[in-house]
Protein backbone atom coordinates (compact mmCIF):
# COMPACT_ATOMS: atom_id res chain seq x y z
CA PRO A 1 0.00 0.00 0.00
CA ARG A 2 2.91 2.42 0.50
CA ILE A 3 3.68 2.79 -3.19
CA GLY A 4 5.56 6.03 -2.53
CA ASP A 5 8.00 4.23 -0.23
CA VAL A 6 8.68 1.54 -2.82
CA ILE A 7 9.29 4.05 -5.61
CA GLN A 8 11.53 6.16 -3.37
CA LYS A 9 13.64 3.08 -2.67
CA LEU A 10 13.94 2.15 -6.36
CA ALA A 11 14.12 5.63 -7.97
CA PRO A 12 17.93 5.87 -8.02
CA PHE A 13 18.05 2.69 -10.12
CA LEU A 14 15.53 4.10 -12.57
CA LYS A 15 18.14 6.50 -13.92
CA MET A 16 19.47 3.52 -15.87
CA TYR A 17 16.48 3.96 -18.15
CA GLY A 18 18.19 7.08 -19.48
CA GLU A 19 20.82 4.92 -21.19
CA TYR A 20 18.16 2.66 -22.64
CA VAL A 21 16.04 5.55 -23.90
CA LYS A 22 19.12 7.28 -25.33
CA ASN A 23 19.90 4.25 -27.51
CA PHE A 24 16.33 3.21 -28.30
CA ASP A 25 16.08 4.72 -31.80
CA LYS A 26 19.40 3.20 -32.83
CA ALA A 27 18.34 -0.22 -31.53
CA VAL A 28 15.04 -0.13 -33.44
CA GLU A 29 16.91 0.97 -36.56
CA LEU A 30 19.37 -1.93 -36.20
CA ILE A 31 16.55 -4.45 -35.85
CA THR A 32 14.89 -3.05 -38.97
CA VAL A 33 18.14 -3.12 -40.95
CA TRP A 34 19.03 -6.67 -39.92
CA SER A 35 15.48 -7.89 -40.54
CA GLU A 36 15.81 -6.61 -44.10
CA LYS A 37 19.39 -7.89 -44.58
CA SER A 38 19.10 -11.30 -42.99
CA PRO A 39 16.16 -13.65 -43.66
CA PRO A 40 17.31 -16.01 -40.84
CA PHE A 41 17.26 -13.09 -38.40
CA GLN A 42 13.81 -12.07 -39.64
CA GLU A 43 12.60 -15.68 -39.21
CA LEU A 44 13.97 -15.86 -35.68
CA ILE A 45 12.23 -12.63 -34.69
CA ALA A 46 8.97 -13.82 -36.28
CA ASP A 47 9.18 -17.17 -34.42
CA ILE A 48 9.75 -15.43 -31.10
CA GLN A 49 6.90 -12.99 -31.69
CA LYS A 50 4.48 -15.90 -32.33
CA ARG A 51 4.99 -17.23 -28.80
CA LYS A 52 2.14 -16.89 -26.36
CA VAL A 53 4.30 -14.96 -23.89
CA CYS A 54 4.71 -12.18 -26.52
CA ALA A 55 0.93 -11.57 -26.53
CA ASN A 56 0.87 -10.95 -30.31
CA LEU A 57 3.12 -7.90 -29.94
CA THR A 58 6.16 -7.17 -32.07
CA LEU A 59 9.69 -6.95 -30.71
CA GLN A 60 9.55 -3.17 -31.22
CA HIS A 61 6.43 -2.99 -29.02
CA HIS A 62 8.23 -4.87 -26.25
CA MET A 63 11.27 -2.62 -26.65
CA LEU A 64 9.03 0.42 -26.19
CA GLU A 65 7.82 -0.74 -22.76
CA PRO A 66 10.87 0.53 -20.80
CA VAL A 67 10.64 3.89 -22.61
CA GLN A 68 7.05 4.25 -21.38
CA ARG A 69 7.74 3.04 -17.84
CA ILE A 70 8.85 6.33 -16.23
CA PRO A 71 5.87 8.34 -17.56
CA ARG A 72 3.58 5.54 -16.34
CA TYR A 73 5.05 5.74 -12.83
CA GLU A 74 4.47 9.47 -12.92
CA LEU A 75 0.83 8.97 -13.92
CA LEU A 76 0.43 6.33 -11.24
CA LEU A 77 1.63 8.71 -8.53
CA LYS A 78 -0.47 11.59 -9.84
CA SER A 79 -3.72 9.60 -10.03
CA LYS A 80 -5.44 10.20 -6.73
CA GLY A 81 -8.44 8.00 -6.04
CA SER A 82 -8.61 6.47 -9.49
CA GLY A 83 -7.35 3.27 -10.98
CA TRP A 84 -6.09 0.27 -9.06
CA LEU A 85 -4.51 2.40 -6.31
CA SER A 86 -8.00 3.37 -5.12
CA LEU A 87 -8.61 -0.31 -4.33
CA LEU A 88 -5.77 -0.45 -1.81
CA PRO A 89 -6.81 -0.24 1.85
CA GLY A 90 -6.19 2.80 4.02
CA ALA A 91 -4.74 6.24 3.58
CA GLY A 92 -1.21 4.90 3.99
CA ARG A 93 -1.02 4.25 0.27
CA TRP A 94 -0.24 7.94 -0.28
CA VAL A 95 2.50 8.21 2.34
CA CYS A 96 5.64 9.62 0.74
CA ARG A 97 3.78 10.03 -2.56
CA GLY A 98 5.02 13.59 -3.02
CA GLU A 99 8.65 12.64 -2.43
CA ALA A 100 8.32 9.68 -4.79
CA LEU A 101 6.76 11.88 -7.46
CA GLU A 102 9.65 14.33 -7.13
CA MET A 103 12.12 11.47 -7.55
CA ILE A 104 10.28 10.26 -10.67
CA PHE A 105 10.45 13.82 -12.06
CA MET A 106 14.21 13.77 -11.47
CA VAL A 107 14.55 10.40 -13.22
CA ALA A 108 12.55 11.72 -16.19
CA LYS A 109 14.71 14.85 -16.25
CA HIS A 110 17.85 12.68 -16.22
CA SER A 111 16.53 10.58 -19.15
CA ASN A 112 15.63 13.69 -21.13
CA ALA A 113 19.07 15.20 -20.47
CA ALA A 114 20.74 11.99 -21.67
CA ILE A 115 18.70 12.09 -24.88
CA ALA A 116 19.50 15.77 -25.43
CA GLU A 117 23.23 15.12 -24.89
CA MET A 118 23.21 12.23 -27.36
CA GLU A 119 21.42 14.38 -29.97
CA ARG A 120 23.94 17.19 -29.39
CA LEU A 121 26.86 14.84 -29.96
CA GLN A 122 25.23 13.33 -33.06
CA ASN A 123 24.72 16.82 -34.52
CA LEU A 124 28.34 17.67 -33.76
CA TRP A 125 29.52 14.43 -35.39
CA ALA A 126 27.42 15.20 -38.49
CA VAL A 127 29.17 18.60 -38.80
CA TYR A 128 32.58 16.91 -38.43
CA GLN A 129 31.64 14.49 -41.23
CA ARG A 130 30.39 17.29 -43.50
CA LEU A 131 33.68 19.12 -43.02
CA GLY A 132 35.71 15.96 -43.70
CA LEU A 133 36.98 15.79 -40.15
CA GLU A 134 35.49 12.42 -39.21
CA ASP A 135 38.95 10.93 -38.74
CA ASP A 136 39.64 13.51 -36.05
CA ILE A 137 38.32 12.84 -32.60
CA VAL A 138 35.19 14.85 -31.88
CA ASP A 139 35.77 17.11 -28.90
CA PRO A 140 32.65 16.59 -26.74
CA SER A 141 33.14 20.01 -25.17
CA ASN A 142 32.40 21.62 -28.55
CA GLU A 143 28.85 22.71 -29.17
CA LEU A 144 27.07 23.49 -32.41
CA ILE A 145 25.12 26.65 -31.67
CA LYS A 146 23.91 27.52 -35.15
CA GLU A 147 24.70 26.89 -38.78
CA GLY A 148 23.53 28.40 -42.03
CA PRO A 149 24.27 30.58 -45.01
CA ILE A 150 25.53 34.13 -44.49
CA GLN A 151 26.49 37.04 -46.72
CA LYS A 152 30.11 38.16 -46.41
CA ILE A 153 30.45 41.82 -47.20
CA SER A 154 33.84 42.98 -48.41
CA THR A 155 34.64 46.60 -47.54
CA ARG A 156 37.61 46.68 -49.92
CA ASN A 157 35.74 46.22 -53.16
CA ASN A 158 32.17 46.70 -51.86
CA SER A 159 31.03 43.19 -52.90
CA THR A 160 29.20 40.32 -51.22
CA SER A 161 29.72 36.60 -51.35
CA GLU A 162 27.70 33.71 -49.98
CA LYS A 163 29.38 31.64 -47.24
CA TYR A 164 28.21 28.86 -44.93
CA LEU A 165 28.90 29.37 -41.23
CA PHE A 166 29.18 26.87 -38.39
CA LEU A 167 28.99 28.64 -35.05
């Protein structure tokens, strides 16, 4: 009944979901690529998905479950008097609910920050590749602020030329 206590105890471990969420798109992409490339792999996945334990869901659906877990915990803690929590006896079920909800917010914030950092590094890597610098090691302290075409104005001969700027 003290769901808040349980979540408070486990919340520090939930930050691991950030790593999973950060790599989720790449994992789904790899499964799609290998399903197209390798008929034996595609057969294996299809055989597994036919099993009763998979409940007629695809591998991608099962992979999505951990991504949805943190928002579900948040909804669970926010739902007062509705759902299965309302069936639990006594008022003790809401003890530490506020603290647990705060911890879930922090876990969600951590996951979102991990995703944002991965996207930032991928954007930086894409710029390195476009500039032909992919053999160089990407400096993770660099940050791509903005990129785009600009007009360079020459004061010597009063002319303009189009340039592309990476800031």
